[in-house]
Structure formats: structure tokens, C-alpha cells
Amino acid sequence: MGTTAIPADDQTRALVHARPEDASVAHVAIVGDTYTILVTGEQTAGRYCLIDMRVPPGGGPAPHRHDFEEMFTLLDGAVEFTFRGERTVVRAGETINIPANAPHFFRNASHEPARMLCMCTPSGQDEFFLRIGDLVDGPTAPPPSLTEAEQGERKERAARLAAEYRTELLTP
């Protein structure tokens, strides 16, 4: 096996120190959950993004799949992941990785809020969330109360933009 030189340090890239309470960090309400974009794809040259997810009881997205890897580490609570039709409960301190292209979804099936970190590689999910969700004031701010028409508009927007972000929304 040959030796490959490590590229020179890219001086245009900066250290990223993510603080969830900083005013520059975006907090996005999506499907009743609140997602804090800690590290953006722009900050990592598209390599990955890191999202702090707060999922209330009953919260979580509809079934979907995408062409990028998604790794979740549970910080608090427990979340039920359905991967290719099989359910797995992930608890605080545990990590689960969803391979690219696999159908999946998650749901907080407990009576307690859950919190997890989600890393997507390559990035893009951060941008998708910002385009389909509603900005809120902080990680624990309540999501906005949406009318049925507004909820329908968010779903339509997500469906319209999904392909652009390499995502397929699946019907349950």
C-alpha cells in the first residue's frame, strides 16, 4: 500500500465551537420537534452537519429515506427507531447509525421528552430543515401553533423540496 501525503492545512477553514444558546445558532420547529443546528454544512465544507434534536412524547418524523448516512446519539430519554420495518428502542448513552438509502423513521414512544444528537454526512439535512421548518427562539421554545392549512403547507413544502435534498418521503 502506497503512502499518500496529507494535504496542507486549509487556512480558510475556522474552528467551530457550537454553543446551543448562542444567538447565531438556528432553532427550527419541525413536526412538533425542535432541532438546533449546531454545526452546519457550510462550516464543514459539506462534510457533515450536527443537529441537537429535542423530541417530545409522540414526536418524530414520518417514514423517509435519503442517500446520506445519519447517526443518532441519545442524550436523554428513549426513542423508538423503525429501520426497514424493524423497531429498536435506543436509550440515553446509546448510538444508532442509519445507512444511506434505508427506509426509517423515529418516534418518542415514551412519556418523557428525549434529546439526541444527529450527525448527517455529507451535510444538507441542516439546510433542508431550515427551508421546511419554523424558526423558534431557543432549543426549549415551544413550536408555533399551526392551523391545519399551515401544517398542510409545511408538508407540501417538504414534499416539494425533498428531492433537492436527496430525500424521499414515504407513506406509512
N, C-alpha and C. Protein backbone atom coordinates (compact mmCIF):
# COMPACT_ATOMS: atom_id res chain seq x y z
N MET A 1 0.85 -1.18 0.00
CA MET A 1 0.00 0.00 0.00
C MET A 1 0.89 1.24 0.00
N GLY A 2 0.63 2.15 -0.92
CA GLY A 2 1.43 3.36 -1.06
C GLY A 2 1.12 4.39 0.02
N THR A 3 2.02 5.30 0.19
CA THR A 3 1.84 6.38 1.14
C THR A 3 1.30 7.60 0.42
N THR A 4 0.27 8.20 0.99
CA THR A 4 -0.32 9.40 0.43
C THR A 4 -0.07 10.54 1.40
N ALA A 5 0.39 11.64 0.85
CA ALA A 5 0.65 12.80 1.70
C ALA A 5 -0.65 13.41 2.18
N ILE A 6 -0.66 13.86 3.41
CA ILE A 6 -1.82 14.57 3.95
C ILE A 6 -1.79 15.97 3.36
N PRO A 7 -2.95 16.45 2.85
CA PRO A 7 -2.99 17.79 2.27
C PRO A 7 -2.59 18.86 3.30
N ALA A 8 -2.18 19.99 2.80
CA ALA A 8 -1.83 21.11 3.67
C ALA A 8 -3.06 21.59 4.43
N ASP A 9 -2.84 22.21 5.56
CA ASP A 9 -3.91 22.79 6.37
C ASP A 9 -4.65 23.84 5.54
N ASP A 10 -5.96 23.74 5.50
CA ASP A 10 -6.78 24.71 4.78
C ASP A 10 -7.02 25.90 5.70
N GLN A 11 -6.26 26.95 5.53
CA GLN A 11 -6.34 28.13 6.39
C GLN A 11 -7.65 28.91 6.25
N THR A 12 -8.45 28.58 5.22
CA THR A 12 -9.73 29.26 5.08
C THR A 12 -10.79 28.67 6.00
N ARG A 13 -10.53 27.48 6.56
CA ARG A 13 -11.48 26.83 7.46
C ARG A 13 -11.21 27.27 8.89
N ALA A 14 -12.26 27.52 9.64
CA ALA A 14 -12.14 28.01 11.02
C ALA A 14 -12.58 26.95 12.01
N LEU A 15 -12.12 27.08 13.22
CA LEU A 15 -12.58 26.26 14.32
C LEU A 15 -14.05 26.57 14.56
N VAL A 16 -14.85 25.55 14.81
CA VAL A 16 -16.26 25.73 15.12
C VAL A 16 -16.47 25.33 16.57
N HIS A 17 -16.99 26.24 17.35
CA HIS A 17 -17.32 25.98 18.75
C HIS A 17 -18.82 26.20 18.88
N ALA A 18 -19.57 25.12 18.91
CA ALA A 18 -21.03 25.21 18.91
C ALA A 18 -21.56 25.37 20.33
N ARG A 19 -22.33 26.41 20.53
CA ARG A 19 -23.00 26.67 21.80
C ARG A 19 -24.49 26.83 21.50
N PRO A 20 -25.31 25.89 21.97
CA PRO A 20 -26.74 25.91 21.63
C PRO A 20 -27.47 27.19 21.98
N GLU A 21 -26.98 27.94 22.96
CA GLU A 21 -27.68 29.16 23.38
C GLU A 21 -27.21 30.42 22.64
N ASP A 22 -26.18 30.30 21.78
CA ASP A 22 -25.71 31.46 21.03
C ASP A 22 -26.79 31.97 20.09
N ALA A 23 -26.87 33.28 19.94
CA ALA A 23 -27.87 33.89 19.07
C ALA A 23 -27.68 33.50 17.61
N SER A 24 -26.46 33.12 17.23
CA SER A 24 -26.19 32.78 15.83
C SER A 24 -26.64 31.36 15.46
N VAL A 25 -27.03 30.57 16.43
CA VAL A 25 -27.44 29.19 16.18
C VAL A 25 -28.94 29.16 15.88
N ALA A 26 -29.31 28.45 14.84
CA ALA A 26 -30.72 28.36 14.43
C ALA A 26 -31.43 27.23 15.17
N HIS A 27 -32.64 27.52 15.63
CA HIS A 27 -33.52 26.55 16.28
C HIS A 27 -34.76 26.45 15.40
N VAL A 28 -35.07 25.24 14.95
CA VAL A 28 -36.12 25.05 13.97
C VAL A 28 -37.16 24.06 14.48
N ALA A 29 -38.43 24.47 14.46
CA ALA A 29 -39.53 23.58 14.83
C ALA A 29 -39.98 22.84 13.57
N ILE A 30 -39.98 21.50 13.69
CA ILE A 30 -40.41 20.65 12.57
C ILE A 30 -41.22 19.50 13.17
N VAL A 31 -42.39 19.27 12.67
CA VAL A 31 -43.31 18.22 13.10
C VAL A 31 -43.45 18.14 14.62
N GLY A 32 -43.40 19.29 15.30
CA GLY A 32 -43.54 19.32 16.75
C GLY A 32 -42.24 19.15 17.51
N ASP A 33 -41.17 18.76 16.83
CA ASP A 33 -39.85 18.63 17.44
C ASP A 33 -39.13 19.98 17.32
N THR A 34 -38.05 20.17 18.08
CA THR A 34 -37.21 21.35 17.92
C THR A 34 -35.79 20.90 17.63
N TYR A 35 -35.25 21.33 16.50
CA TYR A 35 -33.91 20.95 16.06
C TYR A 35 -33.01 22.18 16.08
N THR A 36 -31.91 22.07 16.80
CA THR A 36 -30.91 23.13 16.87
C THR A 36 -29.76 22.75 15.96
N ILE A 37 -29.48 23.58 14.97
CA ILE A 37 -28.40 23.31 14.03
C ILE A 37 -27.09 23.75 14.68
N LEU A 38 -26.36 22.81 15.27
CA LEU A 38 -25.13 23.14 15.99
C LEU A 38 -23.97 23.42 15.05
N VAL A 39 -23.79 22.54 14.07
CA VAL A 39 -22.69 22.68 13.11
C VAL A 39 -23.30 22.52 11.72
N THR A 40 -23.10 23.51 10.87
CA THR A 40 -23.69 23.50 9.53
C THR A 40 -22.74 22.89 8.50
N GLY A 41 -23.31 22.50 7.40
CA GLY A 41 -22.51 22.02 6.29
C GLY A 41 -21.58 23.10 5.76
N GLU A 42 -22.03 24.33 5.82
CA GLU A 42 -21.19 25.44 5.39
C GLU A 42 -19.92 25.51 6.24
N GLN A 43 -20.04 25.22 7.53
CA GLN A 43 -18.89 25.27 8.44
C GLN A 43 -17.95 24.08 8.28
N THR A 44 -18.42 22.99 7.65
CA THR A 44 -17.59 21.78 7.50
C THR A 44 -17.24 21.49 6.04
N ALA A 45 -17.38 22.47 5.19
CA ALA A 45 -17.13 22.29 3.75
C ALA A 45 -17.97 21.14 3.19
N GLY A 46 -19.19 21.00 3.73
CA GLY A 46 -20.12 19.99 3.23
C GLY A 46 -19.89 18.58 3.73
N ARG A 47 -18.92 18.37 4.59
CA ARG A 47 -18.59 17.03 5.05
C ARG A 47 -19.68 16.43 5.94
N TYR A 48 -20.26 17.23 6.83
CA TYR A 48 -21.31 16.76 7.73
C TYR A 48 -22.02 17.95 8.35
N CYS A 49 -23.11 17.67 9.04
CA CYS A 49 -23.78 18.65 9.89
C CYS A 49 -24.15 17.94 11.18
N LEU A 50 -24.30 18.73 12.26
CA LEU A 50 -24.65 18.18 13.56
C LEU A 50 -25.86 18.93 14.09
N ILE A 51 -26.88 18.17 14.47
CA ILE A 51 -28.15 18.74 14.88
C ILE A 51 -28.53 18.19 16.26
N ASP A 52 -28.87 19.08 17.17
CA ASP A 52 -29.35 18.71 18.50
C ASP A 52 -30.87 18.64 18.40
N MET A 53 -31.43 17.45 18.61
CA MET A 53 -32.87 17.23 18.42
C MET A 53 -33.57 17.03 19.75
N ARG A 54 -34.60 17.81 19.98
CA ARG A 54 -35.45 17.64 21.15
C ARG A 54 -36.79 17.12 20.64
N VAL A 55 -37.15 15.94 21.14
CA VAL A 55 -38.33 15.24 20.63
C VAL A 55 -39.31 15.01 21.78
N PRO A 56 -40.46 15.67 21.75
CA PRO A 56 -41.45 15.48 22.82
C PRO A 56 -42.11 14.11 22.71
N PRO A 57 -42.80 13.67 23.77
CA PRO A 57 -43.54 12.41 23.67
C PRO A 57 -44.44 12.42 22.45
N GLY A 58 -44.38 11.35 21.68
CA GLY A 58 -45.17 11.23 20.45
C GLY A 58 -44.53 11.87 19.24
N GLY A 59 -43.43 12.62 19.44
CA GLY A 59 -42.79 13.33 18.34
C GLY A 59 -41.94 12.44 17.45
N GLY A 60 -41.57 12.99 16.30
CA GLY A 60 -40.73 12.30 15.34
C GLY A 60 -41.27 12.44 13.93
N PRO A 61 -40.43 12.21 12.93
CA PRO A 61 -40.83 12.39 11.53
C PRO A 61 -41.56 11.17 10.96
N ALA A 62 -42.19 11.38 9.83
CA ALA A 62 -42.82 10.30 9.07
C ALA A 62 -41.73 9.44 8.41
N PRO A 63 -42.09 8.24 7.95
CA PRO A 63 -41.11 7.40 7.26
C PRO A 63 -40.49 8.12 6.06
N HIS A 64 -39.19 7.91 5.90
CA HIS A 64 -38.44 8.55 4.82
C HIS A 64 -37.15 7.77 4.58
N ARG A 65 -36.42 8.18 3.57
CA ARG A 65 -35.08 7.65 3.31
C ARG A 65 -34.30 8.71 2.55
N HIS A 66 -33.00 8.61 2.60
CA HIS A 66 -32.15 9.59 1.91
C HIS A 66 -30.82 8.95 1.59
N ASP A 67 -30.07 9.59 0.70
CA ASP A 67 -28.82 8.98 0.22
C ASP A 67 -27.60 9.40 1.04
N PHE A 68 -27.77 9.73 2.29
CA PHE A 68 -26.65 10.07 3.17
C PHE A 68 -26.80 9.32 4.48
N GLU A 69 -25.68 9.16 5.17
CA GLU A 69 -25.66 8.48 6.47
C GLU A 69 -26.21 9.41 7.54
N GLU A 70 -26.84 8.81 8.53
CA GLU A 70 -27.42 9.56 9.63
C GLU A 70 -27.14 8.79 10.92
N MET A 71 -26.45 9.43 11.86
CA MET A 71 -26.10 8.79 13.12
C MET A 71 -26.72 9.57 14.27
N PHE A 72 -27.35 8.86 15.19
CA PHE A 72 -28.02 9.47 16.34
C PHE A 72 -27.38 8.96 17.63
N THR A 73 -27.09 9.88 18.55
CA THR A 73 -26.65 9.53 19.90
C THR A 73 -27.66 10.10 20.86
N LEU A 74 -28.29 9.23 21.65
CA LEU A 74 -29.30 9.66 22.61
C LEU A 74 -28.63 10.26 23.84
N LEU A 75 -29.02 11.48 24.17
CA LEU A 75 -28.50 12.16 25.36
C LEU A 75 -29.44 11.98 26.54
N ASP A 76 -30.75 12.07 26.30
CA ASP A 76 -31.77 11.93 27.34
C ASP A 76 -32.95 11.17 26.77
N GLY A 77 -33.55 10.33 27.60
CA GLY A 77 -34.77 9.65 27.21
C GLY A 77 -34.53 8.41 26.39
N ALA A 78 -35.56 8.03 25.66
CA ALA A 78 -35.53 6.85 24.80
C ALA A 78 -36.35 7.15 23.55
N VAL A 79 -35.88 6.67 22.42
CA VAL A 79 -36.56 6.89 21.14
C VAL A 79 -36.64 5.56 20.41
N GLU A 80 -37.81 5.30 19.84
CA GLU A 80 -38.04 4.08 19.07
C GLU A 80 -37.73 4.36 17.61
N PHE A 81 -36.74 3.67 17.06
CA PHE A 81 -36.39 3.80 15.65
C PHE A 81 -36.97 2.61 14.90
N THR A 82 -37.56 2.88 13.74
CA THR A 82 -38.01 1.81 12.86
C THR A 82 -37.13 1.86 11.63
N PHE A 83 -36.38 0.79 11.43
CA PHE A 83 -35.39 0.67 10.36
C PHE A 83 -35.76 -0.53 9.51
N ARG A 84 -36.09 -0.29 8.25
CA ARG A 84 -36.52 -1.36 7.33
C ARG A 84 -37.63 -2.20 7.95
N GLY A 85 -38.55 -1.52 8.68
CA GLY A 85 -39.70 -2.18 9.26
C GLY A 85 -39.48 -2.79 10.63
N GLU A 86 -38.26 -2.83 11.12
CA GLU A 86 -37.95 -3.43 12.42
C GLU A 86 -37.73 -2.34 13.47
N ARG A 87 -38.41 -2.47 14.61
CA ARG A 87 -38.32 -1.46 15.68
C ARG A 87 -37.18 -1.77 16.66
N THR A 88 -36.48 -0.70 17.05
CA THR A 88 -35.40 -0.78 18.04
C THR A 88 -35.53 0.42 18.96
N VAL A 89 -35.50 0.20 20.26
CA VAL A 89 -35.53 1.30 21.21
C VAL A 89 -34.09 1.66 21.56
N VAL A 90 -33.77 2.94 21.40
CA VAL A 90 -32.43 3.45 21.70
C VAL A 90 -32.58 4.34 22.94
N ARG A 91 -31.70 4.10 23.92
CA ARG A 91 -31.78 4.81 25.20
C ARG A 91 -30.58 5.72 25.38
N ALA A 92 -30.70 6.64 26.35
CA ALA A 92 -29.63 7.59 26.65
C ALA A 92 -28.29 6.87 26.76
N GLY A 93 -27.29 7.44 26.09
CA GLY A 93 -25.95 6.87 26.08
C GLY A 93 -25.69 5.93 24.91
N GLU A 94 -26.72 5.58 24.16
CA GLU A 94 -26.57 4.66 23.03
C GLU A 94 -26.56 5.44 21.71
N THR A 95 -25.97 4.82 20.70
CA THR A 95 -25.85 5.41 19.37
C THR A 95 -26.40 4.42 18.35
N ILE A 96 -27.06 4.96 17.34
CA ILE A 96 -27.57 4.15 16.23
C ILE A 96 -27.18 4.85 14.92
N ASN A 97 -26.78 4.07 13.93
CA ASN A 97 -26.41 4.62 12.61
C ASN A 97 -27.38 4.08 11.57
N ILE A 98 -27.95 4.98 10.79
CA ILE A 98 -28.86 4.61 9.71
C ILE A 98 -28.07 4.68 8.40
N PRO A 99 -27.88 3.55 7.71
CA PRO A 99 -27.16 3.59 6.43
C PRO A 99 -27.92 4.38 5.38
N ALA A 100 -27.19 4.94 4.46
CA ALA A 100 -27.79 5.67 3.35
C ALA A 100 -28.79 4.78 2.61
N ASN A 101 -29.86 5.40 2.14
CA ASN A 101 -30.89 4.80 1.30
C ASN A 101 -31.88 3.88 2.01
N ALA A 102 -31.68 3.61 3.30
CA ALA A 102 -32.56 2.70 4.03
C ALA A 102 -33.80 3.42 4.54
N PRO A 103 -34.99 2.82 4.37
CA PRO A 103 -36.20 3.43 4.90
C PRO A 103 -36.18 3.38 6.43
N HIS A 104 -36.59 4.49 7.05
CA HIS A 104 -36.56 4.58 8.50
C HIS A 104 -37.41 5.74 9.00
N PHE A 105 -37.66 5.76 10.29
CA PHE A 105 -38.25 6.90 10.99
C PHE A 105 -38.04 6.67 12.47
N PHE A 106 -38.30 7.69 13.27
CA PHE A 106 -38.21 7.52 14.71
C PHE A 106 -39.40 8.19 15.37
N ARG A 107 -39.65 7.74 16.60
CA ARG A 107 -40.76 8.28 17.37
C ARG A 107 -40.43 8.17 18.85
N ASN A 108 -40.73 9.22 19.58
CA ASN A 108 -40.58 9.16 21.03
C ASN A 108 -41.85 8.50 21.56
N ALA A 109 -41.75 7.20 21.85
CA ALA A 109 -42.90 6.42 22.30
C ALA A 109 -43.06 6.47 23.82
N SER A 110 -42.19 7.23 24.49
CA SER A 110 -42.26 7.32 25.95
C SER A 110 -43.12 8.50 26.38
N HIS A 111 -43.23 8.69 27.68
CA HIS A 111 -44.00 9.82 28.23
C HIS A 111 -43.08 10.96 28.64
N GLU A 112 -41.79 10.85 28.36
CA GLU A 112 -40.80 11.85 28.72
C GLU A 112 -40.16 12.44 27.47
N PRO A 113 -39.76 13.70 27.49
CA PRO A 113 -39.04 14.27 26.34
C PRO A 113 -37.72 13.52 26.11
N ALA A 114 -37.28 13.51 24.88
CA ALA A 114 -36.00 12.89 24.53
C ALA A 114 -35.13 13.94 23.85
N ARG A 115 -33.83 13.73 23.95
CA ARG A 115 -32.88 14.63 23.30
C ARG A 115 -31.78 13.78 22.69
N MET A 116 -31.40 14.11 21.47
CA MET A 116 -30.35 13.35 20.80
C MET A 116 -29.57 14.25 19.85
N LEU A 117 -28.35 13.83 19.58
CA LEU A 117 -27.54 14.48 18.57
C LEU A 117 -27.64 13.67 17.29
N CYS A 118 -27.78 14.36 16.17
CA CYS A 118 -27.88 13.71 14.87
C CYS A 118 -26.78 14.27 13.97
N MET A 119 -25.93 13.37 13.47
CA MET A 119 -24.90 13.78 12.51
C MET A 119 -25.27 13.20 11.15
N CYS A 120 -25.31 14.06 10.14
CA CYS A 120 -25.59 13.64 8.77
C CYS A 120 -24.33 13.88 7.94
N THR A 121 -23.95 12.86 7.17
CA THR A 121 -22.77 13.01 6.32
C THR A 121 -23.04 12.41 4.95
N PRO A 122 -22.86 13.20 3.89
CA PRO A 122 -22.49 14.60 3.90
C PRO A 122 -23.65 15.46 4.40
N SER A 123 -23.38 16.75 4.52
CA SER A 123 -24.38 17.68 5.03
C SER A 123 -25.48 17.91 4.01
N GLY A 124 -26.43 18.73 4.39
CA GLY A 124 -27.57 19.07 3.53
C GLY A 124 -28.86 19.02 4.32
N GLN A 125 -28.93 18.09 5.28
CA GLN A 125 -30.14 17.99 6.09
C GLN A 125 -30.37 19.27 6.89
N ASP A 126 -29.29 19.92 7.30
CA ASP A 126 -29.40 21.19 8.02
C ASP A 126 -30.12 22.23 7.17
N GLU A 127 -29.75 22.33 5.91
CA GLU A 127 -30.38 23.29 5.01
C GLU A 127 -31.84 22.92 4.74
N PHE A 128 -32.11 21.63 4.56
CA PHE A 128 -33.47 21.16 4.33
C PHE A 128 -34.37 21.56 5.50
N PHE A 129 -33.92 21.31 6.73
CA PHE A 129 -34.71 21.66 7.91
C PHE A 129 -34.97 23.16 7.97
N LEU A 130 -33.97 23.96 7.66
CA LEU A 130 -34.16 25.41 7.70
C LEU A 130 -35.18 25.88 6.66
N ARG A 131 -35.28 25.18 5.55
CA ARG A 131 -36.22 25.58 4.50
C ARG A 131 -37.64 25.10 4.74
N ILE A 132 -37.81 24.02 5.51
CA ILE A 132 -39.17 23.49 5.70
C ILE A 132 -39.75 23.78 7.07
N GLY A 133 -38.91 24.16 8.04
CA GLY A 133 -39.39 24.36 9.41
C GLY A 133 -39.67 25.82 9.73
N ASP A 134 -39.98 26.05 11.00
CA ASP A 134 -40.24 27.38 11.52
C ASP A 134 -39.20 27.73 12.56
N LEU A 135 -38.54 28.86 12.40
CA LEU A 135 -37.55 29.29 13.39
C LEU A 135 -38.25 29.59 14.70
N VAL A 136 -37.62 29.15 15.82
CA VAL A 136 -38.11 29.45 17.16
C VAL A 136 -36.97 30.08 17.95
N ASP A 137 -37.30 30.63 19.11
CA ASP A 137 -36.34 31.43 19.87
C ASP A 137 -35.24 30.65 20.59
N GLY A 138 -35.39 29.37 20.81
CA GLY A 138 -34.36 28.62 21.51
C GLY A 138 -34.66 27.14 21.51
N PRO A 139 -33.75 26.33 22.05
CA PRO A 139 -33.92 24.87 22.00
C PRO A 139 -35.12 24.36 22.79
N THR A 140 -35.56 25.12 23.78
CA THR A 140 -36.72 24.68 24.56
C THR A 140 -37.96 25.52 24.29
N ALA A 141 -37.89 26.40 23.31
CA ALA A 141 -39.06 27.21 22.96
C ALA A 141 -40.13 26.30 22.37
N PRO A 142 -41.39 26.56 22.69
CA PRO A 142 -42.45 25.72 22.12
C PRO A 142 -42.58 25.95 20.62
N PRO A 143 -42.94 24.90 19.89
CA PRO A 143 -43.18 25.10 18.46
C PRO A 143 -44.41 25.98 18.26
N PRO A 144 -44.49 26.66 17.13
CA PRO A 144 -45.67 27.50 16.89
C PRO A 144 -46.93 26.65 16.75
N SER A 145 -48.05 27.23 17.13
CA SER A 145 -49.34 26.55 16.90
C SER A 145 -49.73 26.82 15.46
N LEU A 146 -49.81 25.77 14.69
CA LEU A 146 -50.13 25.92 13.27
C LEU A 146 -51.55 25.46 12.99
N THR A 147 -52.21 26.19 12.12
CA THR A 147 -53.54 25.77 11.67
C THR A 147 -53.38 24.54 10.78
N GLU A 148 -54.48 23.88 10.48
CA GLU A 148 -54.42 22.74 9.57
C GLU A 148 -53.87 23.15 8.22
N ALA A 149 -54.27 24.34 7.76
CA ALA A 149 -53.78 24.83 6.47
C ALA A 149 -52.27 25.06 6.51
N GLU A 150 -51.77 25.63 7.61
CA GLU A 150 -50.33 25.86 7.75
C GLU A 150 -49.57 24.54 7.84
N GLN A 151 -50.11 23.55 8.56
CA GLN A 151 -49.49 22.23 8.62
C GLN A 151 -49.43 21.61 7.23
N GLY A 152 -50.52 21.74 6.48
CA GLY A 152 -50.55 21.23 5.12
C GLY A 152 -49.52 21.91 4.23
N GLU A 153 -49.36 23.22 4.41
CA GLU A 153 -48.36 23.95 3.62
C GLU A 153 -46.96 23.46 3.94
N ARG A 154 -46.65 23.18 5.22
CA ARG A 154 -45.32 22.67 5.60
C ARG A 154 -45.07 21.30 4.98
N LYS A 155 -46.08 20.44 4.99
CA LYS A 155 -45.94 19.11 4.39
C LYS A 155 -45.72 19.22 2.88
N GLU A 156 -46.48 20.12 2.25
CA GLU A 156 -46.34 20.31 0.80
C GLU A 156 -44.95 20.85 0.47
N ARG A 157 -44.46 21.77 1.27
CA ARG A 157 -43.13 22.34 1.06
C ARG A 157 -42.06 21.26 1.21
N ALA A 158 -42.19 20.42 2.26
CA ALA A 158 -41.23 19.33 2.46
C ALA A 158 -41.25 18.37 1.27
N ALA A 159 -42.44 18.03 0.79
CA ALA A 159 -42.55 17.12 -0.36
C ALA A 159 -41.94 17.74 -1.61
N ARG A 160 -42.16 19.04 -1.80
CA ARG A 160 -41.64 19.74 -2.98
C ARG A 160 -40.11 19.82 -2.96
N LEU A 161 -39.51 20.01 -1.76
CA LEU A 161 -38.06 20.21 -1.65
C LEU A 161 -37.28 18.93 -1.39
N ALA A 162 -37.96 17.84 -1.06
CA ALA A 162 -37.28 16.61 -0.65
C ALA A 162 -36.23 16.14 -1.66
N ALA A 163 -36.59 16.05 -2.92
CA ALA A 163 -35.65 15.54 -3.93
C ALA A 163 -34.40 16.40 -4.04
N GLU A 164 -34.57 17.71 -3.89
CA GLU A 164 -33.43 18.62 -3.93
C GLU A 164 -32.42 18.29 -2.83
N TYR A 165 -32.91 17.75 -1.70
CA TYR A 165 -32.04 17.40 -0.57
C TYR A 165 -31.85 15.89 -0.45
N ARG A 166 -31.97 15.20 -1.58
CA ARG A 166 -31.68 13.78 -1.69
C ARG A 166 -32.50 12.93 -0.71
N THR A 167 -33.77 13.31 -0.53
CA THR A 167 -34.65 12.65 0.42
C THR A 167 -35.92 12.20 -0.30
N GLU A 168 -36.42 11.06 0.14
CA GLU A 168 -37.71 10.54 -0.36
C GLU A 168 -38.62 10.39 0.84
N LEU A 169 -39.77 11.05 0.81
CA LEU A 169 -40.76 10.91 1.87
C LEU A 169 -41.63 9.71 1.53
N LEU A 170 -41.77 8.79 2.48
CA LEU A 170 -42.50 7.54 2.25
C LEU A 170 -43.84 7.62 2.97
N THR A 171 -44.86 7.01 2.39
CA THR A 171 -46.15 6.97 3.05
C THR A 171 -46.16 5.78 4.00
N PRO A 172 -46.76 5.95 5.19
CA PRO A 172 -46.75 4.85 6.19
C PRO A 172 -47.54 3.66 5.73
